[in-house]
Amino acid sequence: MKYRLLKKANVQLSEIGFGCMSLGMNNAENERLIRAAFDSGVNYFDTADIYQNGFNEETVGRALRPIRSKVFLATKVGNRPRSNAEGWDWVPRKSYILEAVDKSLSRLGTDYIDLYQLHGGTIEDDREEVVEAFEFLKHQGKILHWGVSSIRPNVVREYVKFSGFVSDMLQYSLLDRRPEEELLDLLEKNEVGVVVRGALAKGFLANKDLSDYLDYSVEGVDLLRNKMGLFSIEKMTKSQVALKWLLAHSAVTSVVVGVRTMVQLNDVLGLYDSRELSTEEVRELSEVLSPNFYKSHR
């Protein structure tokens, strides 16, 4: 495993983070996967309070308890589940954040959260109030750092103004190049860590049945996958090529990959058994399809 510095937090994160959202409902199997990832060098684990109505935090906390001090644990806040258990409401309010953090701490079975992230964000939010809540929690010692999970350039641009903002989790892949328009340069310039989600584009960059994706047609996705498949002669899977392409960008701190099975985990971690992509190969992959840009979510 290789590590990169989350600069404002002064913490070394594994290049591959464990996306806990994909975990199932079996505690024993989840623990087996999480501990296998840790034993392979993964130190960054990401969850959220709304995943599986809180069970995800519970199962992750249970698995990490014996090694809690050796890992970087991230969770998210901002979506309040409805009383009828059907969906949730967006509540980026200080009072709700201060209420929700205690529930997350209890489910995770820990005294502190390494990274507490606002799970979304709109331009209408009261960012001063959100930051005030996070900074208060830092003062209390309940969280060590805070960030956001947002793809909205106009929202992220406002959070960059706050010194305590250490990371942004955003969707980025060979099939979603929208962060290249503005966000990657903005975050890197301000030493805010870029945490990537959606690296495999819902599996379309792996072996999932072909479909269109965002602005790309089935034919376009197929063209890109065929280009990625050329690396198979060097025993690189498409997943590994997709991850190597992301990690070639200097702005990227860590790529969080959803893992549900040991086969998936071994595939992801197998990227370190092969060589890096050359600058030319990265460029060639980037040129297969034209980059897409944000048309909404500004």
Protein backbone atom coordinates (compact mmCIF):
# COMPACT_ATOMS: atom_id res chain seq x y z
CA MET A 1 0.00 0.00 0.00
CA LYS A 2 1.10 3.54 -0.70
CA TYR A 3 0.08 6.62 1.27
CA ARG A 4 -0.54 10.29 0.53
CA LEU A 5 -0.61 13.26 2.84
CA LEU A 6 -3.94 14.83 3.72
CA LYS A 7 -2.16 18.13 4.05
CA LYS A 8 -4.33 20.24 6.33
CA ALA A 9 -4.86 17.31 8.66
CA ASN A 10 -1.18 16.25 8.49
CA VAL A 11 -2.27 12.62 8.22
CA GLN A 12 -1.04 9.94 5.83
CA LEU A 13 -3.99 8.22 4.15
CA SER A 14 -3.81 4.99 2.21
CA GLU A 15 -4.22 5.67 -1.51
CA ILE A 16 -7.11 3.22 -1.47
CA GLY A 17 -9.81 3.87 1.08
CA PHE A 18 -12.45 1.34 2.08
CA GLY A 19 -15.94 2.45 1.07
CA CYS A 20 -18.12 0.86 3.70
CA MET A 21 -21.47 1.69 2.07
CA SER A 22 -21.27 -1.51 0.01
CA LEU A 23 -21.03 -3.78 3.04
CA GLY A 24 -23.82 -6.25 3.68
CA MET A 25 -25.74 -7.05 6.85
CA ASN A 26 -23.48 -9.80 8.18
CA ASN A 27 -21.23 -8.51 10.95
CA ALA A 28 -18.80 -11.42 10.78
CA GLU A 29 -18.30 -11.12 7.02
CA ASN A 30 -17.94 -7.35 7.26
CA GLU A 31 -15.29 -7.72 9.93
CA ARG A 32 -13.42 -10.26 7.79
CA LEU A 33 -13.32 -7.82 4.86
CA ILE A 34 -12.38 -4.79 6.94
CA ARG A 35 -9.62 -6.58 8.80
CA ALA A 36 -8.25 -8.05 5.55
CA ALA A 37 -8.11 -4.53 4.10
CA PHE A 38 -6.36 -3.24 7.21
CA ASP A 39 -3.85 -6.09 7.14
CA SER A 40 -3.08 -5.10 3.53
CA GLY A 41 -2.31 -1.52 4.56
CA VAL A 42 -5.66 0.26 4.18
CA ASN A 43 -6.01 2.78 7.02
CA TYR A 44 -8.89 4.91 5.75
CA PHE A 45 -12.47 3.73 6.25
CA ASP A 46 -15.50 5.79 5.17
CA THR A 47 -19.13 5.41 6.22
CA ALA A 48 -22.18 7.63 6.84
CA ASP A 49 -24.96 7.85 9.37
CA ILE A 50 -27.71 7.10 6.83
CA TYR A 51 -26.16 3.99 5.31
CA GLN A 52 -28.50 1.11 6.13
CA ASN A 53 -30.24 3.35 8.67
CA GLY A 54 -27.23 3.41 10.97
CA PHE A 55 -26.31 -0.29 10.79
CA ASN A 56 -23.32 0.50 8.60
CA GLU A 57 -21.76 2.67 11.30
CA GLU A 58 -22.49 -0.05 13.86
CA THR A 59 -20.89 -2.86 11.87
CA VAL A 60 -17.88 -0.73 10.89
CA GLY A 61 -17.34 0.39 14.47
CA ARG A 62 -17.55 -3.18 15.69
CA ALA A 63 -14.96 -4.36 13.17
CA LEU A 64 -12.56 -1.49 13.83
CA ARG A 65 -12.79 -1.46 17.62
CA PRO A 66 -9.62 -3.56 18.25
CA ILE A 67 -7.61 -1.37 15.86
CA ARG A 68 -9.38 1.95 16.32
CA SER A 69 -6.26 4.01 17.11
CA LYS A 70 -4.54 2.75 13.95
CA VAL A 71 -7.13 3.83 11.41
CA PHE A 72 -8.60 7.05 10.01
CA LEU A 73 -12.37 6.82 10.39
CA ALA A 74 -14.69 9.09 8.42
CA THR A 75 -18.46 9.46 8.55
CA LYS A 76 -21.02 11.97 7.32
CA VAL A 77 -23.93 14.08 8.53
CA GLY A 78 -26.68 16.31 7.16
CA ASN A 79 -29.45 13.96 6.04
CA ARG A 80 -32.08 13.31 8.72
CA PRO A 81 -34.05 10.07 8.30
CA ARG A 82 -37.82 10.52 8.24
CA SER A 83 -39.91 9.01 10.99
CA ASN A 84 -41.64 6.70 8.50
CA ALA A 85 -38.21 5.33 7.44
CA GLU A 86 -38.88 6.39 3.85
CA GLY A 87 -36.03 8.64 2.73
CA TRP A 88 -34.57 11.61 4.56
CA ASP A 89 -34.56 15.39 4.68
CA TRP A 90 -31.62 17.74 4.16
CA VAL A 91 -30.89 19.45 7.50
CA PRO A 92 -27.53 21.29 7.44
CA ARG A 93 -28.21 22.96 10.78
CA LYS A 94 -25.94 23.31 13.80
CA SER A 95 -28.54 21.89 16.17
CA TYR A 96 -28.97 18.78 14.04
CA ILE A 97 -25.24 18.25 13.52
CA LEU A 98 -24.62 18.45 17.28
CA GLU A 99 -27.42 15.95 17.87
CA ALA A 100 -26.37 13.56 15.10
CA VAL A 101 -22.70 13.35 16.06
CA ASP A 102 -23.48 11.74 19.41
CA LYS A 103 -25.56 9.08 17.70
CA SER A 104 -22.74 8.36 15.25
CA LEU A 105 -20.19 8.16 18.05
CA SER A 106 -22.43 5.68 19.88
CA ARG A 107 -22.99 3.50 16.82
CA LEU A 108 -19.30 3.56 15.92
CA GLY A 109 -18.32 2.77 19.51
CA THR A 110 -15.64 5.47 19.56
CA ASP A 111 -14.89 8.67 21.45
CA TYR A 112 -13.92 10.64 18.36
CA ILE A 113 -14.35 10.76 14.59
CA ASP A 114 -11.26 11.47 12.52
CA LEU A 115 -13.13 13.14 9.66
CA TYR A 116 -16.70 14.42 9.91
CA GLN A 117 -18.15 15.36 6.52
CA LEU A 118 -21.19 17.34 5.49
CA HIS A 119 -23.04 14.81 3.34
CA GLY A 120 -23.92 17.10 0.45
CA GLY A 121 -24.49 20.85 0.33
CA THR A 122 -26.42 23.51 -1.56
CA ILE A 123 -25.65 27.14 -2.24
CA GLU A 124 -28.62 28.08 -0.01
CA ASP A 125 -27.11 26.44 3.12
CA ASP A 126 -25.94 28.61 5.99
CA ARG A 127 -22.27 27.64 5.72
CA GLU A 128 -21.27 29.82 8.67
CA GLU A 129 -23.60 27.78 10.87
CA VAL A 130 -22.29 24.47 9.52
CA VAL A 131 -18.67 25.48 10.09
CA GLU A 132 -19.51 26.79 13.55
CA ALA A 133 -20.93 23.37 14.43
CA PHE A 134 -17.88 21.51 13.12
CA GLU A 135 -15.43 23.82 14.87
CA PHE A 136 -17.36 23.45 18.12
CA LEU A 137 -17.14 19.66 17.81
CA LYS A 138 -13.40 19.93 17.19
CA HIS A 139 -13.08 22.03 20.36
CA GLN A 140 -14.98 19.34 22.25
CA GLY A 141 -12.71 16.63 20.85
CA LYS A 142 -15.60 14.71 19.29
CA ILE A 143 -14.14 15.19 15.81
CA LEU A 144 -10.56 15.85 14.73
CA HIS A 145 -11.17 17.25 11.24
CA TRP A 146 -14.07 18.24 8.99
CA GLY A 147 -14.78 18.29 5.28
CA VAL A 148 -17.63 18.03 2.82
CA SER A 149 -18.86 15.47 0.34
CA SER A 150 -19.93 17.64 -2.58
CA ILE A 151 -19.66 17.81 -6.36
CA ARG A 152 -21.03 21.36 -6.57
CA PRO A 153 -18.31 23.85 -7.63
CA ASN A 154 -20.19 26.86 -6.27
CA VAL A 155 -20.60 25.20 -2.88
CA VAL A 156 -17.04 23.90 -2.62
CA ARG A 157 -15.66 27.31 -3.64
CA GLU A 158 -17.31 28.80 -0.54
CA TYR A 159 -16.01 26.14 1.86
CA VAL A 160 -12.46 26.62 0.59
CA LYS A 161 -12.55 30.02 2.31
CA PHE A 162 -12.59 28.32 5.73
CA SER A 163 -9.19 27.26 7.11
CA GLY A 164 -10.60 24.17 8.85
CA PHE A 165 -11.82 22.62 5.59
CA VAL A 166 -9.48 19.63 5.02
CA SER A 167 -11.15 17.47 2.34
CA ASP A 168 -13.82 17.14 -0.30
CA MET A 169 -15.23 13.78 -1.33
CA LEU A 170 -16.36 14.01 -4.94
CA GLN A 171 -17.37 11.74 -7.80
CA TYR A 172 -14.59 11.35 -10.37
CA SER A 173 -13.72 8.68 -12.93
CA LEU A 174 -12.89 8.10 -16.57
CA LEU A 175 -16.63 8.39 -17.17
CA ASP A 176 -17.09 11.47 -14.97
CA ARG A 177 -14.45 14.07 -15.72
CA ARG A 178 -16.49 17.00 -14.40
CA PRO A 179 -14.12 17.79 -11.48
CA GLU A 180 -11.39 18.61 -14.00
CA GLU A 181 -13.33 21.69 -15.09
CA GLU A 182 -12.58 23.54 -11.86
CA LEU A 183 -12.67 21.56 -8.64
CA LEU A 184 -9.41 19.62 -8.83
CA ASP A 185 -7.29 22.71 -9.44
CA LEU A 186 -9.18 24.73 -6.84
CA LEU A 187 -8.77 22.10 -4.13
CA GLU A 188 -5.14 21.33 -4.91
CA LYS A 189 -4.22 25.03 -4.92
CA ASN A 190 -5.77 25.41 -1.47
CA GLU A 191 -4.20 22.17 -0.14
CA VAL A 192 -7.60 20.60 0.44
CA GLY A 193 -7.53 16.84 0.03
CA VAL A 194 -9.48 15.25 -2.81
CA VAL A 195 -11.18 12.02 -1.82
CA VAL A 196 -12.62 10.24 -4.85
CA ARG A 197 -15.83 8.23 -4.88
CA GLY A 198 -17.51 6.59 -7.86
CA ALA A 199 -14.13 5.53 -9.25
CA LEU A 200 -15.59 2.62 -11.18
CA ALA A 201 -18.69 4.51 -12.38
CA LYS A 202 -21.20 2.13 -10.78
CA GLY A 203 -19.22 -0.81 -12.11
CA PHE A 204 -19.32 0.23 -15.77
CA LEU A 205 -15.52 0.59 -15.70
CA ALA A 206 -15.22 -2.96 -14.41
CA ASN A 207 -17.32 -5.83 -15.73
CA LYS A 208 -20.89 -4.64 -15.26
CA ASP A 209 -23.19 -5.02 -18.26
CA LEU A 210 -22.83 -2.11 -20.67
CA SER A 211 -25.11 0.89 -20.39
CA ASP A 212 -25.00 4.60 -21.08
CA TYR A 213 -23.58 6.75 -18.28
CA LEU A 214 -24.07 10.48 -17.74
CA ASP A 215 -23.52 12.05 -21.19
CA TYR A 216 -21.86 8.97 -22.67
CA SER A 217 -23.63 6.47 -24.91
CA VAL A 218 -23.34 2.71 -24.66
CA GLU A 219 -21.01 2.85 -27.67
CA GLY A 220 -18.80 5.39 -25.91
CA VAL A 221 -18.59 3.36 -22.72
CA ASP A 222 -17.77 0.27 -24.77
CA LEU A 223 -15.03 2.14 -26.64
CA LEU A 224 -13.40 3.20 -23.39
CA ARG A 225 -13.66 -0.28 -21.86
CA ASN A 226 -12.04 -1.79 -24.94
CA LYS A 227 -9.14 0.63 -24.57
CA MET A 228 -8.81 -0.29 -20.91
CA GLY A 229 -8.94 -3.97 -21.83
CA LEU A 230 -5.69 -3.65 -23.76
CA PHE A 231 -3.88 -3.65 -20.43
CA SER A 232 -5.12 -7.17 -19.71
CA ILE A 233 -2.05 -8.54 -21.49
CA GLU A 234 -0.12 -7.19 -18.51
CA LYS A 235 -2.59 -8.83 -16.13
CA MET A 236 -4.20 -5.51 -15.17
CA THR A 237 -7.96 -5.65 -14.70
CA LYS A 238 -10.16 -2.80 -15.89
CA SER A 239 -10.77 -1.84 -12.26
CA GLN A 240 -7.06 -1.52 -11.65
CA VAL A 241 -6.56 0.58 -14.79
CA ALA A 242 -9.38 2.90 -13.70
CA LEU A 243 -7.82 3.33 -10.26
CA LYS A 244 -4.31 3.86 -11.60
CA TRP A 245 -5.64 6.56 -13.93
CA LEU A 246 -7.19 8.39 -10.98
CA LEU A 247 -4.11 8.09 -8.80
CA ALA A 248 -2.00 9.60 -11.57
CA HIS A 249 -3.63 12.99 -10.80
CA SER A 250 -1.61 14.99 -8.27
CA ALA A 251 -4.73 16.47 -6.65
CA VAL A 252 -6.07 13.07 -5.57
CA THR A 253 -5.32 12.09 -1.98
CA SER A 254 -7.25 8.83 -1.76
CA VAL A 255 -9.74 6.81 -3.80
CA VAL A 256 -12.54 5.30 -1.74
CA VAL A 257 -13.74 2.08 -3.33
CA GLY A 258 -16.88 0.25 -2.30
CA VAL A 259 -16.10 -3.34 -1.33
CA ARG A 260 -18.62 -6.10 -0.67
CA THR A 261 -16.66 -9.32 -1.33
CA MET A 262 -13.15 -10.63 -0.86
CA VAL A 263 -12.84 -11.02 -4.64
CA GLN A 264 -13.50 -7.30 -5.07
CA LEU A 265 -11.04 -6.41 -2.33
CA ASN A 266 -8.30 -8.56 -3.83
CA ASP A 267 -8.93 -7.06 -7.26
CA VAL A 268 -8.61 -3.51 -5.93
CA LEU A 269 -5.51 -4.18 -3.87
CA GLY A 270 -3.98 -6.12 -6.76
CA LEU A 271 -3.24 -2.84 -8.51
CA TYR A 272 0.02 -2.69 -6.54
CA ASP A 273 1.23 -5.91 -8.15
CA SER A 274 1.62 -4.21 -11.54
CA ARG A 275 3.47 -1.21 -12.89
CA GLU A 276 2.22 2.36 -12.94
CA LEU A 277 0.67 3.86 -16.05
CA SER A 278 3.01 6.04 -18.06
CA THR A 279 2.20 9.69 -18.70
CA GLU A 280 1.44 8.78 -22.30
CA GLU A 281 -0.93 5.97 -21.28
CA VAL A 282 -2.77 8.29 -18.91
CA ARG A 283 -3.14 10.79 -21.76
CA GLU A 284 -4.35 8.14 -24.20
CA LEU A 285 -7.03 6.94 -21.79
CA SER A 286 -8.10 10.54 -21.20
CA GLU A 287 -8.52 11.15 -24.92
CA VAL A 288 -10.81 8.20 -25.70
CA LEU A 289 -13.87 10.28 -24.78
CA SER A 290 -14.32 14.03 -24.53
CA PRO A 291 -14.50 15.28 -20.92
CA ASN A 292 -17.96 16.05 -19.60
CA PHE A 293 -18.80 19.21 -17.65
CA TYR A 294 -21.26 20.24 -14.97
CA LYS A 295 -24.56 21.31 -16.51
CA SER A 296 -26.37 21.30 -13.19
CA HIS A 297 -25.25 20.88 -9.56
CA ARG A 298 -23.43 24.20 -9.79
